[in-house]
Amino acid sequence: MSAAGLLLDIYQKLKGEEISVGDWLLVDQVRIDDFARATGDMQWIHIDPARAATESPYKSTVAHGFLTLSLLPLLTRANAAGEFEKNYPGMRLRVNYGLNKVRFPSPVKPGDRIRAHTRVLDAIMAGEGVEIVYLLTVMVEGNDKPACVAEQVVRVYP
C-alpha cells in the first residue's frame, strides 16, 4: 500500500476522535497590538484599553478574531519540530488548503490563556495525497464557550 493509502487508513480510523489538546498560550496586549500593526486593523476595540474599558461591551480590549485564527499553527503544534513526522508518517509535505467554516463565539481578552482542541472530521484521497478536515476549537481558560471554532482542510503529500 502507498504512503498516502496508509495515512488515509490511519485518519479514517480517527474520524470523530479528538487527537490533541494543545498547551495554554497567554494572549497579552502586546501580541494584540503587534497583530493590529501587522494587519492594519487598528480599531479601538483592539488597541485602546482606556476607551474599551468604557465603551466596549466587553469592558476591555479584545483580540482580533483573525489573531486567534492565525495562532492555530502554534496552538496545535502543527508545524513544530518532529510533529509532522509523527502525525503524517511517510509523507513529505503538508499544505493548508483552506477553511470550510470559521466562527468566533466569544472574545479573547488581554491576559486570557487559550488552547486548541483538534478533532478529525474526515479524510479522503486527493490526487496523490490525502485531504484531512480537522475541527479546531480554541477555548479560553475558565470559559465554557469557545473563542474560535474552525474547520481546517489540509492536504498531505508523499
C-alpha atoms as a PDB file:
ATOM      1  CA  MET A   1       0.000   0.000   0.000  1.00  0.00           C
ATOM      2  CA  SER A   2       1.245   3.508  -0.785  1.00  0.00           C
ATOM      3  CA  ALA A   3       2.254   6.000   1.926  1.00  0.00           C
ATOM      4  CA  ALA A   4      -0.866   8.020   1.140  1.00  0.00           C
ATOM      5  CA  GLY A   5      -3.026   4.914   1.398  1.00  0.00           C
ATOM      6  CA  LEU A   6      -1.523   4.062   4.777  1.00  0.00           C
ATOM      7  CA  LEU A   7      -2.070   7.621   6.034  1.00  0.00           C
ATOM      8  CA  LEU A   8      -5.659   7.592   4.781  1.00  0.00           C
ATOM      9  CA  ASP A   9      -6.268   4.367   6.695  1.00  0.00           C
ATOM     10  CA  ILE A  10      -4.845   5.926   9.892  1.00  0.00           C
ATOM     11  CA  TYR A  11      -7.009   9.048   9.630  1.00  0.00           C
ATOM     12  CA  GLN A  12     -10.153   7.183   8.582  1.00  0.00           C
ATOM     13  CA  LYS A  13      -9.898   5.288  11.875  1.00  0.00           C
ATOM     14  CA  LEU A  14      -9.533   8.599  13.763  1.00  0.00           C
ATOM     15  CA  LYS A  15     -12.712  10.177  12.321  1.00  0.00           C
ATOM     16  CA  GLY A  16     -14.703  11.760  15.134  1.00  0.00           C
ATOM     17  CA  GLU A  17     -11.835  11.448  17.609  1.00  0.00           C
ATOM     18  CA  GLU A  18     -10.136  14.273  19.492  1.00  0.00           C
ATOM     19  CA  ILE A  19      -6.483  13.732  18.660  1.00  0.00           C
ATOM     20  CA  SER A  20      -4.849  16.528  20.640  1.00  0.00           C
ATOM     21  CA  VAL A  21      -5.268  19.283  23.192  1.00  0.00           C
ATOM     22  CA  GLY A  22      -2.602  21.965  22.964  1.00  0.00           C
ATOM     23  CA  ASP A  23      -0.745  23.836  25.655  1.00  0.00           C
ATOM     24  CA  TRP A  24      -2.112  27.039  27.143  1.00  0.00           C
ATOM     25  CA  LEU A  25      -0.934  30.267  25.494  1.00  0.00           C
ATOM     26  CA  LEU A  26      -1.177  33.685  27.149  1.00  0.00           C
ATOM     27  CA  VAL A  27      -2.597  36.383  24.874  1.00  0.00           C
ATOM     28  CA  ASP A  28      -1.401  39.793  26.054  1.00  0.00           C
ATOM     29  CA  GLN A  29      -1.971  43.332  24.841  1.00  0.00           C
ATOM     30  CA  VAL A  30       1.471  43.422  23.214  1.00  0.00           C
ATOM     31  CA  ARG A  31       0.547  40.490  20.947  1.00  0.00           C
ATOM     32  CA  ILE A  32      -2.794  42.154  20.110  1.00  0.00           C
ATOM     33  CA  ASP A  33      -1.084  45.466  19.305  1.00  0.00           C
ATOM     34  CA  ASP A  34       1.556  43.722  17.176  1.00  0.00           C
ATOM     35  CA  PHE A  35      -1.172  41.945  15.206  1.00  0.00           C
ATOM     36  CA  ALA A  36      -3.055  45.229  14.746  1.00  0.00           C
ATOM     37  CA  ARG A  37       0.067  46.839  13.271  1.00  0.00           C
ATOM     38  CA  ALA A  38       0.848  43.835  11.080  1.00  0.00           C
ATOM     39  CA  THR A  39      -2.655  43.724   9.592  1.00  0.00           C
ATOM     40  CA  GLY A  40      -3.596  47.398   9.661  1.00  0.00           C
ATOM     41  CA  ASP A  41      -6.663  46.644  11.790  1.00  0.00           C
ATOM     42  CA  MET A  42      -6.262  49.467  14.290  1.00  0.00           C
ATOM     43  CA  GLN A  43      -9.855  49.540  15.554  1.00  0.00           C
ATOM     44  CA  TRP A  44     -10.014  50.979  19.090  1.00  0.00           C
ATOM     45  CA  ILE A  45     -11.715  47.864  20.493  1.00  0.00           C
ATOM     46  CA  HIS A  46      -8.388  46.076  19.990  1.00  0.00           C
ATOM     47  CA  ILE A  47      -5.771  48.739  20.801  1.00  0.00           C
ATOM     48  CA  ASP A  48      -7.249  51.379  23.124  1.00  0.00           C
ATOM     49  CA  PRO A  49      -7.657  49.923  26.634  1.00  0.00           C
ATOM     50  CA  ALA A  50      -8.978  53.176  28.156  1.00  0.00           C
ATOM     51  CA  ARG A  51     -11.696  53.629  25.554  1.00  0.00           C
ATOM     52  CA  ALA A  52     -12.553  49.927  25.530  1.00  0.00           C
ATOM     53  CA  ALA A  53     -12.983  49.968  29.324  1.00  0.00           C
ATOM     54  CA  THR A  54     -15.831  52.438  28.977  1.00  0.00           C
ATOM     55  CA  GLU A  55     -17.299  51.853  25.501  1.00  0.00           C
ATOM     56  CA  SER A  56     -16.790  48.165  24.716  1.00  0.00           C
ATOM     57  CA  PRO A  57     -19.458  45.652  25.717  1.00  0.00           C
ATOM     58  CA  TYR A  58     -16.543  43.522  26.973  1.00  0.00           C
ATOM     59  CA  LYS A  59     -15.168  46.336  29.212  1.00  0.00           C
ATOM     60  CA  SER A  60     -11.673  45.724  27.872  1.00  0.00           C
ATOM     61  CA  THR A  61      -9.840  45.413  24.604  1.00  0.00           C
ATOM     62  CA  VAL A  62     -10.235  42.104  22.785  1.00  0.00           C
ATOM     63  CA  ALA A  63      -8.006  40.157  20.442  1.00  0.00           C
ATOM     64  CA  HIS A  64      -8.869  40.191  16.760  1.00  0.00           C
ATOM     65  CA  GLY A  65     -10.707  37.050  15.744  1.00  0.00           C
ATOM     66  CA  PHE A  66      -8.160  36.671  12.967  1.00  0.00           C
ATOM     67  CA  LEU A  67      -5.367  36.819  15.554  1.00  0.00           C
ATOM     68  CA  THR A  68      -6.882  33.817  17.300  1.00  0.00           C
ATOM     69  CA  LEU A  69      -7.242  32.089  13.933  1.00  0.00           C
ATOM     70  CA  SER A  70      -3.640  32.906  12.978  1.00  0.00           C
ATOM     71  CA  LEU A  71      -2.394  31.286  16.189  1.00  0.00           C
ATOM     72  CA  LEU A  72      -3.745  27.860  15.207  1.00  0.00           C
ATOM     73  CA  PRO A  73      -0.389  26.523  13.939  1.00  0.00           C
ATOM     74  CA  LEU A  74       1.166  27.434  17.298  1.00  0.00           C
ATOM     75  CA  LEU A  75      -1.801  26.240  19.351  1.00  0.00           C
ATOM     76  CA  THR A  76      -1.980  22.889  17.543  1.00  0.00           C
ATOM     77  CA  ARG A  77       1.799  22.473  17.224  1.00  0.00           C
ATOM     78  CA  ALA A  78       1.040  21.517  13.615  1.00  0.00           C
ATOM     79  CA  ASN A  79       4.437  22.648  12.368  1.00  0.00           C
ATOM     80  CA  ALA A  80       6.542  22.051  15.485  1.00  0.00           C
ATOM     81  CA  ALA A  81       9.755  20.093  15.106  1.00  0.00           C
ATOM     82  CA  GLY A  82       9.067  16.369  14.978  1.00  0.00           C
ATOM     83  CA  GLU A  83       5.278  16.751  14.843  1.00  0.00           C
ATOM     84  CA  PHE A  84       4.975  16.410  11.065  1.00  0.00           C
ATOM     85  CA  GLU A  85       6.823  13.095  11.005  1.00  0.00           C
ATOM     86  CA  LYS A  86       4.784  11.773  13.937  1.00  0.00           C
ATOM     87  CA  ASN A  87       1.403  12.858  12.546  1.00  0.00           C
ATOM     88  CA  TYR A  88       1.989  12.081   8.856  1.00  0.00           C
ATOM     89  CA  PRO A  89       4.299   9.062   8.587  1.00  0.00           C
ATOM     90  CA  GLY A  90       5.746   8.540   5.125  1.00  0.00           C
ATOM     91  CA  MET A  91       4.670  11.959   3.880  1.00  0.00           C
ATOM     92  CA  ARG A  92       6.894  14.904   2.920  1.00  0.00           C
ATOM     93  CA  LEU A  93       4.647  17.963   2.603  1.00  0.00           C
ATOM     94  CA  ARG A  94       1.525  19.444   4.215  1.00  0.00           C
ATOM     95  CA  VAL A  95      -0.390  22.293   2.575  1.00  0.00           C
ATOM     96  CA  ASN A  96      -3.024  24.464   4.243  1.00  0.00           C
ATOM     97  CA  TYR A  97      -5.846  24.051   1.714  1.00  0.00           C
ATOM     98  CA  GLY A  98      -8.260  26.397   3.473  1.00  0.00           C
ATOM     99  CA  LEU A  99     -11.159  26.658   5.861  1.00  0.00           C
ATOM    100  CA  ASN A 100     -14.712  25.434   5.434  1.00  0.00           C
ATOM    101  CA  LYS A 101     -16.188  27.430   8.264  1.00  0.00           C
ATOM    102  CA  VAL A 102     -14.946  29.783  10.995  1.00  0.00           C
ATOM    103  CA  ARG A 103     -16.806  31.320  13.922  1.00  0.00           C
ATOM    104  CA  PHE A 104     -15.702  33.457  16.892  1.00  0.00           C
ATOM    105  CA  PRO A 105     -18.387  32.788  19.549  1.00  0.00           C
ATOM    106  CA  SER A 106     -16.652  34.567  22.433  1.00  0.00           C
ATOM    107  CA  PRO A 107     -13.870  37.141  22.861  1.00  0.00           C
ATOM    108  CA  VAL A 108     -10.264  36.690  23.891  1.00  0.00           C
ATOM    109  CA  LYS A 109      -9.210  39.468  26.272  1.00  0.00           C
ATOM    110  CA  PRO A 110      -5.672  40.506  27.188  1.00  0.00           C
ATOM    111  CA  GLY A 111      -4.458  38.208  29.948  1.00  0.00           C
ATOM    112  CA  ASP A 112      -6.561  35.259  28.769  1.00  0.00           C
ATOM    113  CA  ARG A 113      -4.971  31.908  28.194  1.00  0.00           C
ATOM    114  CA  ILE A 114      -6.162  29.918  25.195  1.00  0.00           C
ATOM    115  CA  ARG A 115      -5.591  26.427  23.848  1.00  0.00           C
ATOM    116  CA  ALA A 116      -6.806  24.376  20.899  1.00  0.00           C
ATOM    117  CA  HIS A 117      -8.582  21.050  20.753  1.00  0.00           C
ATOM    118  CA  THR A 118      -8.178  19.111  17.489  1.00  0.00           C
ATOM    119  CA  ARG A 119     -10.693  16.572  16.204  1.00  0.00           C
ATOM    120  CA  VAL A 120     -10.568  14.670  12.894  1.00  0.00           C
ATOM    121  CA  LEU A 121     -13.739  15.208  10.859  1.00  0.00           C
ATOM    122  CA  ASP A 122     -12.835  13.467   7.614  1.00  0.00           C
ATOM    123  CA  ALA A 123     -10.049  12.066   5.468  1.00  0.00           C
ATOM    124  CA  ILE A 124     -10.189  11.304   1.752  1.00  0.00           C
ATOM    125  CA  MET A 125      -7.780  10.709  -1.111  1.00  0.00           C
ATOM    126  CA  ALA A 126      -6.952  13.890  -3.042  1.00  0.00           C
ATOM    127  CA  GLY A 127      -4.949  13.005  -6.119  1.00  0.00           C
ATOM    128  CA  GLU A 128      -1.694  11.508  -4.866  1.00  0.00           C
ATOM    129  CA  GLY A 129      -2.206  12.930  -1.395  1.00  0.00           C
ATOM    130  CA  VAL A 130      -4.640  12.820   1.491  1.00  0.00           C
ATOM    131  CA  GLU A 131      -7.072  15.589   2.394  1.00  0.00           C
ATOM    132  CA  ILE A 132      -7.823  15.812   6.104  1.00  0.00           C
ATOM    133  CA  VAL A 133     -10.508  18.002   7.643  1.00  0.00           C
ATOM    134  CA  TYR A 134      -9.967  18.984  11.259  1.00  0.00           C
ATOM    135  CA  LEU A 135     -12.358  20.637  13.673  1.00  0.00           C
ATOM    136  CA  LEU A 136     -10.268  23.097  15.690  1.00  0.00           C
ATOM    137  CA  THR A 137     -11.834  24.528  18.834  1.00  0.00           C
ATOM    138  CA  VAL A 138      -9.982  27.263  20.726  1.00  0.00           C
ATOM    139  CA  MET A 139     -11.029  27.569  24.344  1.00  0.00           C
ATOM    140  CA  VAL A 140     -10.362  30.370  26.831  1.00  0.00           C
ATOM    141  CA  GLU A 141      -9.309  29.141  30.243  1.00  0.00           C
ATOM    142  CA  GLY A 142     -12.279  29.338  32.614  1.00  0.00           C
ATOM    143  CA  ASN A 143     -14.833  29.919  29.839  1.00  0.00           C
ATOM    144  CA  ASP A 144     -17.254  27.243  28.615  1.00  0.00           C
ATOM    145  CA  LYS A 145     -17.887  28.994  25.297  1.00  0.00           C
ATOM    146  CA  PRO A 146     -15.183  28.665  22.617  1.00  0.00           C
ATOM    147  CA  ALA A 147     -13.320  31.675  21.276  1.00  0.00           C
ATOM    148  CA  CYS A 148     -12.903  30.143  17.819  1.00  0.00           C
ATOM    149  CA  VAL A 149     -14.320  27.141  16.017  1.00  0.00           C
ATOM    150  CA  ALA A 150     -12.855  26.359  12.593  1.00  0.00           C
ATOM    151  CA  GLU A 151     -12.933  23.544  10.086  1.00  0.00           C
ATOM    152  CA  GLN A 152      -9.465  23.420   8.593  1.00  0.00           C
ATOM    153  CA  VAL A 153      -8.669  21.498   5.424  1.00  0.00           C
ATOM    154  CA  VAL A 154      -5.108  20.307   4.876  1.00  0.00           C
ATOM    155  CA  ARG A 155      -3.585  18.208   2.145  1.00  0.00           C
ATOM    156  CA  VAL A 156      -0.625  15.952   2.804  1.00  0.00           C
ATOM    157  CA  TYR A 157       1.568  14.580   0.036  1.00  0.00           C
ATOM    158  CA  PRO A 158       4.166  11.804  -0.248  1.00  0.00           C
END
